[in-house]
Amino acid sequence: MEAVIGAIYLDRGITVSRKFIQTVIVSELKEIIKNRLYIDPKSDFQEKSQEKMGVTPTYKVLASSGPDHSKTFEVGVYLNDKLIASDTGSSKQEAQTKAAQKALKKQNWNI
């Protein structure tokens, strides 16, 4: 989002940037705060695992398949050396995020 706002600012200036922020972000702020949409599952899982267990999670690619232009990744999230959850995605980042969401549910640490 920061990149989009920066690009608008560089291309169109502060007035258009301010209007974009008001229209797209500020208008949705109540919903974003109410549903905690500003917190992603990976960050939330890391914060909670450090708070509750004193451990930082690690992510490992367990498998990948498919052609280079359309790979699927399976990623596991670990606390210490224990696999907590795994999931798949079309990118490592997507698989990590989905695995963290599963781990939050499994640990009953839901967002």
N, C-alpha and C. Protein backbone atom coordinates (compact mmCIF):
# COMPACT_ATOMS: atom_id res chain seq x y z
N MET A 1 0.83 -1.19 0.00
CA MET A 1 0.00 0.00 0.00
C MET A 1 0.88 1.25 0.00
N GLU A 2 1.98 1.18 0.76
CA GLU A 2 2.88 2.34 0.81
C GLU A 2 3.44 2.64 -0.58
N ALA A 3 3.74 1.61 -1.33
CA ALA A 3 4.29 1.80 -2.68
C ALA A 3 3.26 2.47 -3.59
N VAL A 4 2.01 2.06 -3.47
CA VAL A 4 0.95 2.65 -4.29
C VAL A 4 0.79 4.14 -3.95
N ILE A 5 0.74 4.43 -2.67
CA ILE A 5 0.60 5.82 -2.25
C ILE A 5 1.81 6.64 -2.71
N GLY A 6 3.00 6.07 -2.57
CA GLY A 6 4.20 6.76 -3.02
C GLY A 6 4.18 7.03 -4.51
N ALA A 7 3.72 6.05 -5.28
CA ALA A 7 3.65 6.22 -6.73
C ALA A 7 2.64 7.31 -7.11
N ILE A 8 1.51 7.32 -6.43
CA ILE A 8 0.51 8.36 -6.69
C ILE A 8 1.10 9.73 -6.36
N TYR A 9 1.79 9.82 -5.22
CA TYR A 9 2.40 11.08 -4.83
C TYR A 9 3.42 11.56 -5.86
N LEU A 10 4.28 10.65 -6.29
CA LEU A 10 5.30 11.04 -7.27
C LEU A 10 4.70 11.42 -8.62
N ASP A 11 3.63 10.74 -8.98
CA ASP A 11 3.02 10.98 -10.29
C ASP A 11 2.04 12.16 -10.29
N ARG A 12 1.26 12.29 -9.21
CA ARG A 12 0.16 13.27 -9.21
C ARG A 12 0.24 14.34 -8.13
N GLY A 13 1.11 14.13 -7.12
CA GLY A 13 1.26 15.15 -6.09
C GLY A 13 0.48 14.89 -4.83
N ILE A 14 0.66 15.79 -3.87
CA ILE A 14 0.11 15.62 -2.53
C ILE A 14 -1.41 15.69 -2.50
N THR A 15 -2.02 16.54 -3.30
CA THR A 15 -3.48 16.69 -3.26
C THR A 15 -4.18 15.41 -3.68
N VAL A 16 -3.74 14.83 -4.77
CA VAL A 16 -4.34 13.57 -5.25
C VAL A 16 -4.02 12.44 -4.28
N SER A 17 -2.82 12.43 -3.73
CA SER A 17 -2.44 11.41 -2.75
C SER A 17 -3.34 11.48 -1.52
N ARG A 18 -3.55 12.68 -1.02
CA ARG A 18 -4.41 12.87 0.15
C ARG A 18 -5.83 12.40 -0.15
N LYS A 19 -6.36 12.72 -1.32
CA LYS A 19 -7.70 12.29 -1.69
C LYS A 19 -7.78 10.76 -1.77
N PHE A 20 -6.76 10.12 -2.32
CA PHE A 20 -6.71 8.66 -2.40
C PHE A 20 -6.73 8.05 -0.99
N ILE A 21 -5.92 8.59 -0.10
CA ILE A 21 -5.86 8.07 1.27
C ILE A 21 -7.20 8.22 1.96
N GLN A 22 -7.84 9.38 1.80
CA GLN A 22 -9.15 9.61 2.42
C GLN A 22 -10.20 8.65 1.86
N THR A 23 -10.20 8.48 0.55
CA THR A 23 -11.22 7.66 -0.11
C THR A 23 -11.02 6.17 0.15
N VAL A 24 -9.79 5.70 0.03
CA VAL A 24 -9.54 4.26 0.07
C VAL A 24 -9.23 3.75 1.47
N ILE A 25 -8.51 4.52 2.26
CA ILE A 25 -8.07 4.01 3.56
C ILE A 25 -8.93 4.53 4.71
N VAL A 26 -9.01 5.83 4.84
CA VAL A 26 -9.73 6.40 5.98
C VAL A 26 -11.19 5.98 5.98
N SER A 27 -11.79 5.87 4.83
CA SER A 27 -13.20 5.47 4.76
C SER A 27 -13.42 4.05 5.26
N GLU A 28 -12.39 3.23 5.25
CA GLU A 28 -12.48 1.84 5.70
C GLU A 28 -11.87 1.61 7.08
N LEU A 29 -11.40 2.65 7.72
CA LEU A 29 -10.64 2.52 8.96
C LEU A 29 -11.42 1.83 10.08
N LYS A 30 -12.68 2.17 10.28
CA LYS A 30 -13.46 1.52 11.34
C LYS A 30 -13.53 0.01 11.13
N GLU A 31 -13.78 -0.40 9.90
CA GLU A 31 -13.85 -1.82 9.56
C GLU A 31 -12.49 -2.50 9.77
N ILE A 32 -11.43 -1.84 9.37
CA ILE A 32 -10.07 -2.38 9.52
C ILE A 32 -9.75 -2.59 10.99
N ILE A 33 -10.05 -1.61 11.83
CA ILE A 33 -9.75 -1.71 13.25
C ILE A 33 -10.66 -2.73 13.92
N LYS A 34 -11.94 -2.68 13.62
CA LYS A 34 -12.91 -3.61 14.23
C LYS A 34 -12.52 -5.06 13.98
N ASN A 35 -12.13 -5.39 12.77
CA ASN A 35 -11.81 -6.77 12.40
C ASN A 35 -10.32 -7.09 12.45
N ARG A 36 -9.52 -6.15 12.98
CA ARG A 36 -8.08 -6.34 13.13
C ARG A 36 -7.42 -6.76 11.82
N LEU A 37 -7.86 -6.15 10.73
CA LEU A 37 -7.34 -6.49 9.40
C LEU A 37 -5.92 -5.99 9.19
N TYR A 38 -5.42 -5.18 10.08
CA TYR A 38 -4.06 -4.66 10.00
C TYR A 38 -3.03 -5.67 10.52
N ILE A 39 -3.50 -6.77 11.10
CA ILE A 39 -2.60 -7.79 11.65
C ILE A 39 -2.61 -9.00 10.72
N ASP A 40 -1.44 -9.35 10.23
CA ASP A 40 -1.37 -10.53 9.38
C ASP A 40 -1.08 -11.76 10.25
N PRO A 41 -1.48 -12.95 9.79
CA PRO A 41 -1.32 -14.16 10.60
C PRO A 41 0.13 -14.47 10.98
N LYS A 42 1.09 -14.21 10.08
CA LYS A 42 2.48 -14.50 10.42
C LYS A 42 2.96 -13.63 11.58
N SER A 43 2.67 -12.37 11.53
CA SER A 43 3.08 -11.47 12.61
C SER A 43 2.38 -11.83 13.91
N ASP A 44 1.10 -12.12 13.82
CA ASP A 44 0.32 -12.47 15.00
C ASP A 44 0.85 -13.75 15.63
N PHE A 45 1.13 -14.76 14.80
CA PHE A 45 1.65 -16.02 15.34
C PHE A 45 3.02 -15.81 15.97
N GLN A 46 3.86 -15.00 15.36
CA GLN A 46 5.18 -14.74 15.92
C GLN A 46 5.06 -14.04 17.28
N GLU A 47 4.24 -13.01 17.34
CA GLU A 47 4.07 -12.28 18.60
C GLU A 47 3.54 -13.19 19.69
N LYS A 48 2.53 -13.98 19.36
CA LYS A 48 1.93 -14.84 20.38
C LYS A 48 2.85 -15.98 20.79
N SER A 49 3.60 -16.55 19.85
CA SER A 49 4.51 -17.64 20.23
C SER A 49 5.66 -17.11 21.08
N GLN A 50 6.12 -15.90 20.81
CA GLN A 50 7.17 -15.30 21.65
C GLN A 50 6.63 -14.96 23.03
N GLU A 51 5.41 -14.42 23.08
CA GLU A 51 4.80 -14.04 24.35
C GLU A 51 4.49 -15.26 25.21
N LYS A 52 3.89 -16.29 24.62
CA LYS A 52 3.41 -17.43 25.40
C LYS A 52 4.46 -18.51 25.62
N MET A 53 5.41 -18.64 24.68
CA MET A 53 6.36 -19.74 24.76
C MET A 53 7.81 -19.29 24.73
N GLY A 54 8.06 -18.03 24.44
CA GLY A 54 9.42 -17.54 24.36
C GLY A 54 10.19 -18.06 23.17
N VAL A 55 9.46 -18.41 22.11
CA VAL A 55 10.06 -19.02 20.92
C VAL A 55 9.63 -18.24 19.68
N THR A 56 10.58 -18.04 18.76
CA THR A 56 10.27 -17.43 17.47
C THR A 56 10.02 -18.55 16.46
N PRO A 57 8.89 -18.51 15.76
CA PRO A 57 8.61 -19.57 14.78
C PRO A 57 9.56 -19.51 13.59
N THR A 58 9.78 -20.67 13.01
CA THR A 58 10.54 -20.76 11.77
C THR A 58 9.68 -21.45 10.73
N TYR A 59 9.97 -21.16 9.48
CA TYR A 59 9.22 -21.72 8.35
C TYR A 59 10.17 -22.50 7.47
N LYS A 60 9.73 -23.68 7.04
CA LYS A 60 10.54 -24.51 6.15
C LYS A 60 9.68 -24.98 4.99
N VAL A 61 10.26 -24.94 3.79
CA VAL A 61 9.58 -25.49 2.62
C VAL A 61 9.65 -27.00 2.73
N LEU A 62 8.50 -27.64 2.76
CA LEU A 62 8.43 -29.10 2.89
C LEU A 62 8.40 -29.77 1.53
N ALA A 63 7.82 -29.09 0.55
CA ALA A 63 7.73 -29.66 -0.80
C ALA A 63 7.39 -28.55 -1.77
N SER A 64 7.72 -28.79 -3.02
CA SER A 64 7.28 -27.91 -4.10
C SER A 64 7.02 -28.78 -5.31
N SER A 65 6.05 -28.37 -6.09
CA SER A 65 5.70 -29.15 -7.28
C SER A 65 5.19 -28.22 -8.37
N GLY A 66 5.18 -28.74 -9.56
CA GLY A 66 4.67 -27.98 -10.70
C GLY A 66 5.78 -27.31 -11.48
N PRO A 67 5.43 -26.82 -12.65
CA PRO A 67 6.42 -26.14 -13.49
C PRO A 67 6.83 -24.80 -12.87
N ASP A 68 7.98 -24.29 -13.27
CA ASP A 68 8.52 -23.05 -12.69
C ASP A 68 7.53 -21.89 -12.74
N HIS A 69 6.74 -21.80 -13.78
CA HIS A 69 5.82 -20.67 -13.91
C HIS A 69 4.53 -20.85 -13.10
N SER A 70 4.36 -22.04 -12.49
CA SER A 70 3.13 -22.32 -11.76
C SER A 70 3.39 -23.29 -10.61
N LYS A 71 4.35 -22.98 -9.78
CA LYS A 71 4.71 -23.87 -8.67
C LYS A 71 3.70 -23.79 -7.53
N THR A 72 3.62 -24.88 -6.80
CA THR A 72 2.89 -24.94 -5.55
C THR A 72 3.88 -25.30 -4.47
N PHE A 73 3.84 -24.57 -3.36
CA PHE A 73 4.75 -24.80 -2.25
C PHE A 73 3.98 -25.28 -1.03
N GLU A 74 4.56 -26.24 -0.33
CA GLU A 74 4.05 -26.65 0.97
C GLU A 74 5.07 -26.17 2.00
N VAL A 75 4.60 -25.40 2.97
CA VAL A 75 5.49 -24.82 3.98
C VAL A 75 4.98 -25.23 5.35
N GLY A 76 5.91 -25.58 6.23
CA GLY A 76 5.59 -25.88 7.62
C GLY A 76 6.06 -24.78 8.53
N VAL A 77 5.31 -24.54 9.59
CA VAL A 77 5.72 -23.58 10.62
C VAL A 77 6.06 -24.39 11.86
N TYR A 78 7.23 -24.06 12.42
CA TYR A 78 7.78 -24.81 13.55
C TYR A 78 7.98 -23.91 14.76
N LEU A 79 7.77 -24.49 15.93
CA LEU A 79 8.19 -23.89 17.18
C LEU A 79 9.23 -24.84 17.75
N ASN A 80 10.43 -24.32 17.96
CA ASN A 80 11.60 -25.14 18.20
C ASN A 80 11.73 -26.08 17.01
N ASP A 81 11.73 -27.36 17.21
CA ASP A 81 11.82 -28.28 16.08
C ASP A 81 10.51 -29.01 15.84
N LYS A 82 9.44 -28.55 16.48
CA LYS A 82 8.13 -29.22 16.38
C LYS A 82 7.28 -28.56 15.30
N LEU A 83 6.84 -29.38 14.34
CA LEU A 83 5.94 -28.89 13.30
C LEU A 83 4.58 -28.60 13.93
N ILE A 84 4.14 -27.37 13.80
CA ILE A 84 2.86 -26.95 14.38
C ILE A 84 1.76 -27.06 13.33
N ALA A 85 2.04 -26.61 12.11
CA ALA A 85 1.03 -26.66 11.04
C ALA A 85 1.75 -26.50 9.70
N SER A 86 1.07 -26.90 8.65
CA SER A 86 1.58 -26.69 7.30
C SER A 86 0.42 -26.38 6.37
N ASP A 87 0.77 -25.77 5.25
CA ASP A 87 -0.24 -25.48 4.24
C ASP A 87 0.46 -25.22 2.91
N THR A 88 -0.33 -25.08 1.88
CA THR A 88 0.21 -24.88 0.54
C THR A 88 -0.21 -23.53 -0.02
N GLY A 89 0.54 -23.08 -1.03
CA GLY A 89 0.21 -21.84 -1.70
C GLY A 89 0.98 -21.73 -3.00
N SER A 90 0.61 -20.77 -3.81
CA SER A 90 1.27 -20.56 -5.09
C SER A 90 2.57 -19.78 -4.94
N SER A 91 2.86 -19.34 -3.71
CA SER A 91 4.15 -18.71 -3.39
C SER A 91 4.52 -19.18 -1.99
N LYS A 92 5.80 -19.06 -1.65
CA LYS A 92 6.23 -19.42 -0.31
C LYS A 92 5.54 -18.53 0.72
N GLN A 93 5.43 -17.24 0.41
CA GLN A 93 4.79 -16.29 1.31
C GLN A 93 3.34 -16.68 1.58
N GLU A 94 2.60 -17.03 0.54
CA GLU A 94 1.20 -17.43 0.71
C GLU A 94 1.11 -18.68 1.57
N ALA A 95 1.97 -19.66 1.32
CA ALA A 95 1.95 -20.90 2.10
C ALA A 95 2.31 -20.62 3.56
N GLN A 96 3.27 -19.73 3.80
CA GLN A 96 3.65 -19.37 5.17
C GLN A 96 2.48 -18.72 5.90
N THR A 97 1.81 -17.80 5.23
CA THR A 97 0.68 -17.10 5.84
C THR A 97 -0.44 -18.07 6.19
N LYS A 98 -0.74 -18.97 5.28
CA LYS A 98 -1.80 -19.96 5.53
C LYS A 98 -1.40 -20.93 6.64
N ALA A 99 -0.13 -21.31 6.69
CA ALA A 99 0.35 -22.19 7.76
C ALA A 99 0.27 -21.48 9.11
N ALA A 100 0.63 -20.21 9.16
CA ALA A 100 0.54 -19.44 10.40
C ALA A 100 -0.90 -19.33 10.87
N GLN A 101 -1.83 -19.13 9.93
CA GLN A 101 -3.25 -19.05 10.30
C GLN A 101 -3.71 -20.38 10.90
N LYS A 102 -3.30 -21.49 10.29
CA LYS A 102 -3.65 -22.81 10.83
C LYS A 102 -3.04 -22.99 12.22
N ALA A 103 -1.79 -22.54 12.38
CA ALA A 103 -1.11 -22.68 13.67
C ALA A 103 -1.83 -21.88 14.75
N LEU A 104 -2.29 -20.67 14.42
CA LEU A 104 -3.04 -19.87 15.38
C LEU A 104 -4.29 -20.61 15.84
N LYS A 105 -4.99 -21.22 14.91
CA LYS A 105 -6.20 -21.98 15.25
C LYS A 105 -5.86 -23.21 16.08
N LYS A 106 -4.82 -23.92 15.68
CA LYS A 106 -4.41 -25.13 16.38
C LYS A 106 -4.01 -24.83 17.81
N GLN A 107 -3.34 -23.72 18.03
CA GLN A 107 -2.89 -23.32 19.37
C GLN A 107 -4.00 -22.58 20.13
N ASN A 108 -5.13 -22.38 19.49
CA ASN A 108 -6.22 -21.57 20.05
C ASN A 108 -5.77 -20.15 20.33
N TRP A 109 -4.95 -19.59 19.43
CA TRP A 109 -4.46 -18.23 19.53
C TRP A 109 -5.06 -17.39 18.41
N ASN A 110 -6.25 -17.69 18.00
CA ASN A 110 -6.87 -17.02 16.85
C ASN A 110 -6.80 -15.51 16.96
N ILE A 111 -6.71 -14.88 15.78
CA ILE A 111 -6.69 -13.41 15.69
C ILE A 111 -7.97 -12.87 16.28
